Amino acid sequence: MVNSASGSTTYRLVTAAFGLLFAIVGVAIVVVSDRTVGPMLAAAVIGILGVDAIVSSFRNKPSLLSRIGPLP
């Protein structure tokens, strides 16, 4: 269910910014990690969530991060 705020330009820009942040953090984990399974898996999950948020903001659809719900 899409609420009325999810279609606004500000919401889409913020979603894209957080997606870019998550994608950069995913790349940073790969760069600084010792290339074991744990960090690589975390980097993949964080990177995929970031890319999904960026793509979702361009498509004006809710991202996977927004479907999780409000986080503390």
PDB file of N, CA and C in Angstrom:
ATOM      1  N   MET A   1       0.833  -1.170   0.000  1.00  0.00           N
ATOM      2  CA  MET A   1       0.000   0.000   0.000  1.00  0.00           C
ATOM      3  C   MET A   1       0.883   1.240   0.000  1.00  0.00           C
ATOM      4  N   VAL A   2       0.635   2.130  -0.896  1.00  0.00           N
ATOM      5  CA  VAL A   2       1.438   3.334  -1.036  1.00  0.00           C
ATOM      6  C   VAL A   2       0.698   4.483  -0.373  1.00  0.00           C
ATOM      7  N   ASN A   3       1.392   5.168   0.544  1.00  0.00           N
ATOM      8  CA  ASN A   3       0.758   6.323   1.172  1.00  0.00           C
ATOM      9  C   ASN A   3       0.983   7.556   0.312  1.00  0.00           C
ATOM     10  N   SER A   4       0.349   8.652   0.650  1.00  0.00           N
ATOM     11  CA  SER A   4       0.412   9.842  -0.186  1.00  0.00           C
ATOM     12  C   SER A   4       1.793  10.483  -0.174  1.00  0.00           C
ATOM     13  N   ALA A   5       2.570  10.286   0.870  1.00  0.00           N
ATOM     14  CA  ALA A   5       3.894  10.902   0.946  1.00  0.00           C
ATOM     15  C   ALA A   5       4.911  10.169   0.082  1.00  0.00           C
ATOM     16  N   SER A   6       4.663   8.926  -0.274  1.00  0.00           N
ATOM     17  CA  SER A   6       5.660   8.158  -1.021  1.00  0.00           C
ATOM     18  C   SER A   6       5.808   8.628  -2.457  1.00  0.00           C
ATOM     19  N   GLY A   7       4.908   9.408  -2.957  1.00  0.00           N
ATOM     20  CA  GLY A   7       5.006   9.898  -4.319  1.00  0.00           C
ATOM     21  C   GLY A   7       5.680  11.245  -4.432  1.00  0.00           C
ATOM     22  N   SER A   8       6.001  11.887  -3.331  1.00  0.00           N
ATOM     23  CA  SER A   8       6.574  13.216  -3.391  1.00  0.00           C
ATOM     24  C   SER A   8       8.020  13.176  -3.856  1.00  0.00           C
ATOM     25  N   THR A   9       8.445  14.270  -4.427  1.00  0.00           N
ATOM     26  CA  THR A   9       9.816  14.372  -4.919  1.00  0.00           C
ATOM     27  C   THR A   9      10.816  14.302  -3.785  1.00  0.00           C
ATOM     28  N   THR A  10      10.510  14.912  -2.668  1.00  0.00           N
ATOM     29  CA  THR A  10      11.422  14.878  -1.520  1.00  0.00           C
ATOM     30  C   THR A  10      11.609  13.459  -1.019  1.00  0.00           C
ATOM     31  N   TYR A  11      10.535  12.721  -0.914  1.00  0.00           N
ATOM     32  CA  TYR A  11      10.616  11.329  -0.466  1.00  0.00           C
ATOM     33  C   TYR A  11      11.473  10.513  -1.414  1.00  0.00           C
ATOM     34  N   ARG A  12      11.297  10.714  -2.694  1.00  0.00           N
ATOM     35  CA  ARG A  12      12.082   9.974  -3.682  1.00  0.00           C
ATOM     36  C   ARG A  12      13.555  10.348  -3.612  1.00  0.00           C
ATOM     37  N   LEU A  13      13.870  11.617  -3.412  1.00  0.00           N
ATOM     38  CA  LEU A  13      15.268  12.044  -3.303  1.00  0.00           C
ATOM     39  C   LEU A  13      15.925  11.481  -2.048  1.00  0.00           C
ATOM     40  N   VAL A  14      15.201  11.487  -0.947  1.00  0.00           N
ATOM     41  CA  VAL A  14      15.743  10.932   0.295  1.00  0.00           C
ATOM     42  C   VAL A  14      15.957   9.431   0.149  1.00  0.00           C
ATOM     43  N   THR A  15      15.019   8.748  -0.480  1.00  0.00           N
ATOM     44  CA  THR A  15      15.172   7.308  -0.715  1.00  0.00           C
ATOM     45  C   THR A  15      16.382   7.030  -1.596  1.00  0.00           C
ATOM     46  N   ALA A  16      16.567   7.813  -2.640  1.00  0.00           N
ATOM     47  CA  ALA A  16      17.726   7.641  -3.515  1.00  0.00           C
ATOM     48  C   ALA A  16      19.021   7.934  -2.774  1.00  0.00           C
ATOM     49  N   ALA A  17      19.022   8.954  -1.904  1.00  0.00           N
ATOM     50  CA  ALA A  17      20.228   9.294  -1.136  1.00  0.00           C
ATOM     51  C   ALA A  17      20.593   8.165  -0.171  1.00  0.00           C
ATOM     52  N   PHE A  18      19.610   7.612   0.516  1.00  0.00           N
ATOM     53  CA  PHE A  18      19.890   6.490   1.412  1.00  0.00           C
ATOM     54  C   PHE A  18      20.324   5.257   0.619  1.00  0.00           C
ATOM     55  N   GLY A  19      19.748   5.055  -0.544  1.00  0.00           N
ATOM     56  CA  GLY A  19      20.176   3.952  -1.395  1.00  0.00           C
ATOM     57  C   GLY A  19      21.617   4.114  -1.836  1.00  0.00           C
ATOM     58  N   LEU A  20      21.996   5.332  -2.198  1.00  0.00           N
ATOM     59  CA  LEU A  20      23.379   5.591  -2.579  1.00  0.00           C
ATOM     60  C   LEU A  20      24.312   5.371  -1.397  1.00  0.00           C
ATOM     61  N   LEU A  21      23.893   5.804  -0.221  1.00  0.00           N
ATOM     62  CA  LEU A  21      24.690   5.589   0.993  1.00  0.00           C
ATOM     63  C   LEU A  21      24.884   4.093   1.248  1.00  0.00           C
ATOM     64  N   PHE A  22      23.836   3.313   1.139  1.00  0.00           N
ATOM     65  CA  PHE A  22      23.933   1.871   1.365  1.00  0.00           C
ATOM     66  C   PHE A  22      24.821   1.207   0.321  1.00  0.00           C
ATOM     67  N   ALA A  23      24.719   1.644  -0.938  1.00  0.00           N
ATOM     68  CA  ALA A  23      25.566   1.069  -1.984  1.00  0.00           C
ATOM     69  C   ALA A  23      27.037   1.399  -1.724  1.00  0.00           C
ATOM     70  N   ILE A  24      27.320   2.620  -1.297  1.00  0.00           N
ATOM     71  CA  ILE A  24      28.701   3.015  -0.984  1.00  0.00           C
ATOM     72  C   ILE A  24      29.222   2.240   0.214  1.00  0.00           C
ATOM     73  N   VAL A  25      28.391   2.041   1.221  1.00  0.00           N
ATOM     74  CA  VAL A  25      28.810   1.263   2.394  1.00  0.00           C
ATOM     75  C   VAL A  25      29.091  -0.183   1.990  1.00  0.00           C
ATOM     76  N   GLY A  26      28.284  -0.735   1.096  1.00  0.00           N
ATOM     77  CA  GLY A  26      28.536  -2.088   0.610  1.00  0.00           C
ATOM     78  C   GLY A  26      29.882  -2.204  -0.085  1.00  0.00           C
ATOM     79  N   VAL A  27      30.214  -1.231  -0.906  1.00  0.00           N
ATOM     80  CA  VAL A  27      31.511  -1.225  -1.585  1.00  0.00           C
ATOM     81  C   VAL A  27      32.639  -1.036  -0.576  1.00  0.00           C
ATOM     82  N   ALA A  28      32.425  -0.160   0.405  1.00  0.00           N
ATOM     83  CA  ALA A  28      33.449   0.084   1.426  1.00  0.00           C
ATOM     84  C   ALA A  28      33.729  -1.181   2.242  1.00  0.00           C
ATOM     85  N   ILE A  29      32.701  -1.955   2.527  1.00  0.00           N
ATOM     86  CA  ILE A  29      32.899  -3.210   3.263  1.00  0.00           C
ATOM     87  C   ILE A  29      33.772  -4.154   2.449  1.00  0.00           C
ATOM     88  N   VAL A  30      33.533  -4.223   1.153  1.00  0.00           N
ATOM     89  CA  VAL A  30      34.343  -5.092   0.302  1.00  0.00           C
ATOM     90  C   VAL A  30      35.801  -4.627   0.286  1.00  0.00           C
ATOM     91  N   VAL A  31      36.008  -3.323   0.237  1.00  0.00           N
ATOM     92  CA  VAL A  31      37.362  -2.778   0.149  1.00  0.00           C
ATOM     93  C   VAL A  31      38.154  -3.024   1.432  1.00  0.00           C
ATOM     94  N   VAL A  32      37.536  -2.825   2.591  1.00  0.00           N
ATOM     95  CA  VAL A  32      38.286  -2.912   3.850  1.00  0.00           C
ATOM     96  C   VAL A  32      38.222  -4.282   4.520  1.00  0.00           C
ATOM     97  N   SER A  33      37.407  -5.197   4.004  1.00  0.00           N
ATOM     98  CA  SER A  33      37.271  -6.496   4.667  1.00  0.00           C
ATOM     99  C   SER A  33      38.408  -7.431   4.279  1.00  0.00           C
ATOM    100  N   ASP A  34      38.486  -8.531   4.989  1.00  0.00           N
ATOM    101  CA  ASP A  34      39.501  -9.540   4.697  1.00  0.00           C
ATOM    102  C   ASP A  34      38.989 -10.593   3.718  1.00  0.00           C
ATOM    103  N   ARG A  35      37.901 -10.309   3.043  1.00  0.00           N
ATOM    104  CA  ARG A  35      37.316 -11.144   1.994  1.00  0.00           C
ATOM    105  C   ARG A  35      36.883 -12.524   2.476  1.00  0.00           C
ATOM    106  N   THR A  36      36.409 -12.590   3.711  1.00  0.00           N
ATOM    107  CA  THR A  36      35.822 -13.840   4.188  1.00  0.00           C
ATOM    108  C   THR A  36      34.323 -13.827   3.874  1.00  0.00           C
ATOM    109  N   VAL A  37      33.665 -14.916   4.168  1.00  0.00           N
ATOM    110  CA  VAL A  37      32.266 -15.074   3.775  1.00  0.00           C
ATOM    111  C   VAL A  37      31.343 -14.068   4.472  1.00  0.00           C
ATOM    112  N   GLY A  38      31.539 -13.842   5.755  1.00  0.00           N
ATOM    113  CA  GLY A  38      30.654 -12.959   6.516  1.00  0.00           C
ATOM    114  C   GLY A  38      30.592 -11.535   5.986  1.00  0.00           C
ATOM    115  N   PRO A  39      31.739 -10.860   5.896  1.00  0.00           N
ATOM    116  CA  PRO A  39      31.707  -9.492   5.367  1.00  0.00           C
ATOM    117  C   PRO A  39      31.234  -9.408   3.912  1.00  0.00           C
ATOM    118  N   MET A  40      31.575 -10.401   3.114  1.00  0.00           N
ATOM    119  CA  MET A  40      31.144 -10.374   1.716  1.00  0.00           C
ATOM    120  C   MET A  40      29.623 -10.542   1.613  1.00  0.00           C
ATOM    121  N   LEU A  41      29.052 -11.391   2.466  1.00  0.00           N
ATOM    122  CA  LEU A  41      27.607 -11.567   2.480  1.00  0.00           C
ATOM    123  C   LEU A  41      26.913 -10.283   2.951  1.00  0.00           C
ATOM    124  N   ALA A  42      27.461  -9.668   3.996  1.00  0.00           N
ATOM    125  CA  ALA A  42      26.890  -8.408   4.485  1.00  0.00           C
ATOM    126  C   ALA A  42      26.984  -7.325   3.422  1.00  0.00           C
ATOM    127  N   ALA A  43      28.116  -7.249   2.736  1.00  0.00           N
ATOM    128  CA  ALA A  43      28.284  -6.246   1.679  1.00  0.00           C
ATOM    129  C   ALA A  43      27.294  -6.479   0.547  1.00  0.00           C
ATOM    130  N   ALA A  44      27.064  -7.737   0.198  1.00  0.00           N
ATOM    131  CA  ALA A  44      26.110  -8.048  -0.872  1.00  0.00           C
ATOM    132  C   ALA A  44      24.692  -7.638  -0.484  1.00  0.00           C
ATOM    133  N   VAL A  45      24.293  -7.968   0.740  1.00  0.00           N
ATOM    134  CA  VAL A  45      22.933  -7.624   1.190  1.00  0.00           C
ATOM    135  C   VAL A  45      22.759  -6.113   1.256  1.00  0.00           C
ATOM    136  N   ILE A  46      23.717  -5.414   1.845  1.00  0.00           N
ATOM    137  CA  ILE A  46      23.623  -3.960   1.970  1.00  0.00           C
ATOM    138  C   ILE A  46      23.656  -3.305   0.592  1.00  0.00           C
ATOM    139  N   GLY A  47      24.522  -3.797  -0.282  1.00  0.00           N
ATOM    140  CA  GLY A  47      24.589  -3.245  -1.634  1.00  0.00           C
ATOM    141  C   GLY A  47      23.318  -3.464  -2.421  1.00  0.00           C
ATOM    142  N   ILE A  48      22.740  -4.656  -2.313  1.00  0.00           N
ATOM    143  CA  ILE A  48      21.487  -4.947  -3.020  1.00  0.00           C
ATOM    144  C   ILE A  48      20.354  -4.067  -2.498  1.00  0.00           C
ATOM    145  N   LEU A  49      20.292  -3.873  -1.191  1.00  0.00           N
ATOM    146  CA  LEU A  49      19.255  -2.988  -0.633  1.00  0.00           C
ATOM    147  C   LEU A  49      19.446  -1.552  -1.111  1.00  0.00           C
ATOM    148  N   GLY A  50      20.701  -1.123  -1.221  1.00  0.00           N
ATOM    149  CA  GLY A  50      20.975   0.225  -1.709  1.00  0.00           C
ATOM    150  C   GLY A  50      20.576   0.410  -3.160  1.00  0.00           C
ATOM    151  N   VAL A  51      20.958  -0.543  -3.994  1.00  0.00           N
ATOM    152  CA  VAL A  51      20.604  -0.453  -5.412  1.00  0.00           C
ATOM    153  C   VAL A  51      19.083  -0.529  -5.579  1.00  0.00           C
ATOM    154  N   ASP A  52      18.436  -1.369  -4.798  1.00  0.00           N
ATOM    155  CA  ASP A  52      16.976  -1.465  -4.862  1.00  0.00           C
ATOM    156  C   ASP A  52      16.325  -0.137  -4.479  1.00  0.00           C
ATOM    157  N   ALA A  53      16.856   0.534  -3.469  1.00  0.00           N
ATOM    158  CA  ALA A  53      16.289   1.824  -3.063  1.00  0.00           C
ATOM    159  C   ALA A  53      16.462   2.871  -4.159  1.00  0.00           C
ATOM    160  N   ILE A  54      17.603   2.857  -4.828  1.00  0.00           N
ATOM    161  CA  ILE A  54      17.830   3.809  -5.917  1.00  0.00           C
ATOM    162  C   ILE A  54      16.871   3.533  -7.075  1.00  0.00           C
ATOM    163  N   VAL A  55      16.775   2.278  -7.478  1.00  0.00           N
ATOM    164  CA  VAL A  55      15.884   1.914  -8.587  1.00  0.00           C
ATOM    165  C   VAL A  55      14.427   2.190  -8.223  1.00  0.00           C
ATOM    166  N   SER A  56      14.058   1.895  -6.989  1.00  0.00           N
ATOM    167  CA  SER A  56      12.675   2.129  -6.559  1.00  0.00           C
ATOM    168  C   SER A  56      12.329   3.606  -6.550  1.00  0.00           C
ATOM    169  N   SER A  57      13.294   4.446  -6.217  1.00  0.00           N
ATOM    170  CA  SER A  57      12.995   5.881  -6.210  1.00  0.00           C
ATOM    171  C   SER A  57      12.769   6.392  -7.628  1.00  0.00           C
ATOM    172  N   PHE A  58      13.500   5.851  -8.614  1.00  0.00           N
ATOM    173  CA  PHE A  58      13.275   6.255 -10.001  1.00  0.00           C
ATOM    174  C   PHE A  58      11.960   5.708 -10.539  1.00  0.00           C
ATOM    175  N   ARG A  59      11.572   4.533 -10.085  1.00  0.00           N
ATOM    176  CA  ARG A  59      10.315   3.930 -10.540  1.00  0.00           C
ATOM    177  C   ARG A  59       9.105   4.406  -9.742  1.00  0.00           C
ATOM    178  N   ASN A  60       9.346   5.157  -8.673  1.00  0.00           N
ATOM    179  CA  ASN A  60       8.288   5.652  -7.790  1.00  0.00           C
ATOM    180  C   ASN A  60       7.509   4.493  -7.171  1.00  0.00           C
ATOM    181  N   LYS A  61       8.247   3.485  -6.740  1.00  0.00           N
ATOM    182  CA  LYS A  61       7.689   2.322  -6.056  1.00  0.00           C
ATOM    183  C   LYS A  61       8.321   2.231  -4.674  1.00  0.00           C
ATOM    184  N   PRO A  62       7.674   1.591  -3.721  1.00  0.00           N
ATOM    185  CA  PRO A  62       8.291   1.428  -2.395  1.00  0.00           C
ATOM    186  C   PRO A  62       9.475   0.456  -2.466  1.00  0.00           C
ATOM    187  N   SER A  63      10.554   0.817  -1.802  1.00  0.00           N
ATOM    188  CA  SER A  63      11.743  -0.035  -1.792  1.00  0.00           C
ATOM    189  C   SER A  63      11.616  -1.113  -0.723  1.00  0.00           C
ATOM    190  N   LEU A  64      12.530  -2.074  -0.768  1.00  0.00           N
ATOM    191  CA  LEU A  64      12.539  -3.126   0.249  1.00  0.00           C
ATOM    192  C   LEU A  64      12.793  -2.531   1.632  1.00  0.00           C
ATOM    193  N   LEU A  65      13.643  -1.509   1.703  1.00  0.00           N
ATOM    194  CA  LEU A  65      13.910  -0.867   2.998  1.00  0.00           C
ATOM    195  C   LEU A  65      12.655  -0.227   3.578  1.00  0.00           C
ATOM    196  N   SER A  66      11.833   0.368   2.740  1.00  0.00           N
ATOM    197  CA  SER A  66      10.612   1.009   3.238  1.00  0.00           C
ATOM    198  C   SER A  66       9.559  -0.015   3.639  1.00  0.00           C
ATOM    199  N   ARG A  67       9.642  -1.221   3.089  1.00  0.00           N
ATOM    200  CA  ARG A  67       8.684  -2.271   3.441  1.00  0.00           C
ATOM    201  C   ARG A  67       8.998  -2.914   4.781  1.00  0.00           C
ATOM    202  N   ILE A  68      10.243  -2.775   5.235  1.00  0.00           N
ATOM    203  CA  ILE A  68      10.610  -3.336   6.540  1.00  0.00           C
ATOM    204  C   ILE A  68       9.834  -2.625   7.637  1.00  0.00           C
ATOM    205  N   GLY A  69       9.620  -1.353   7.482  1.00  0.00           N
ATOM    206  CA  GLY A  69       8.889  -0.570   8.472  1.00  0.00           C
ATOM    207  C   GLY A  69       9.797   0.431   9.139  1.00  0.00           C
ATOM    208  N   PRO A  70       9.267   1.190  10.044  1.00  0.00           N
ATOM    209  CA  PRO A  70      10.096   2.195  10.706  1.00  0.00           C
ATOM    210  C   PRO A  70      11.134   1.525  11.620  1.00  0.00           C
ATOM    211  N   LEU A  71      12.353   1.902  11.435  1.00  0.00           N
ATOM    212  CA  LEU A  71      13.429   1.353  12.252  1.00  0.00           C
ATOM    213  C   LEU A  71      13.809   2.371  13.322  1.00  0.00           C
ATOM    214  N   PRO A  72      14.263   1.895  14.461  1.00  0.00           N
ATOM    215  CA  PRO A  72      14.604   2.849  15.540  1.00  0.00           C
ATOM    216  C   PRO A  72      15.828   3.665  15.223  1.00  0.00           C
TER     217      PRO A  72
END
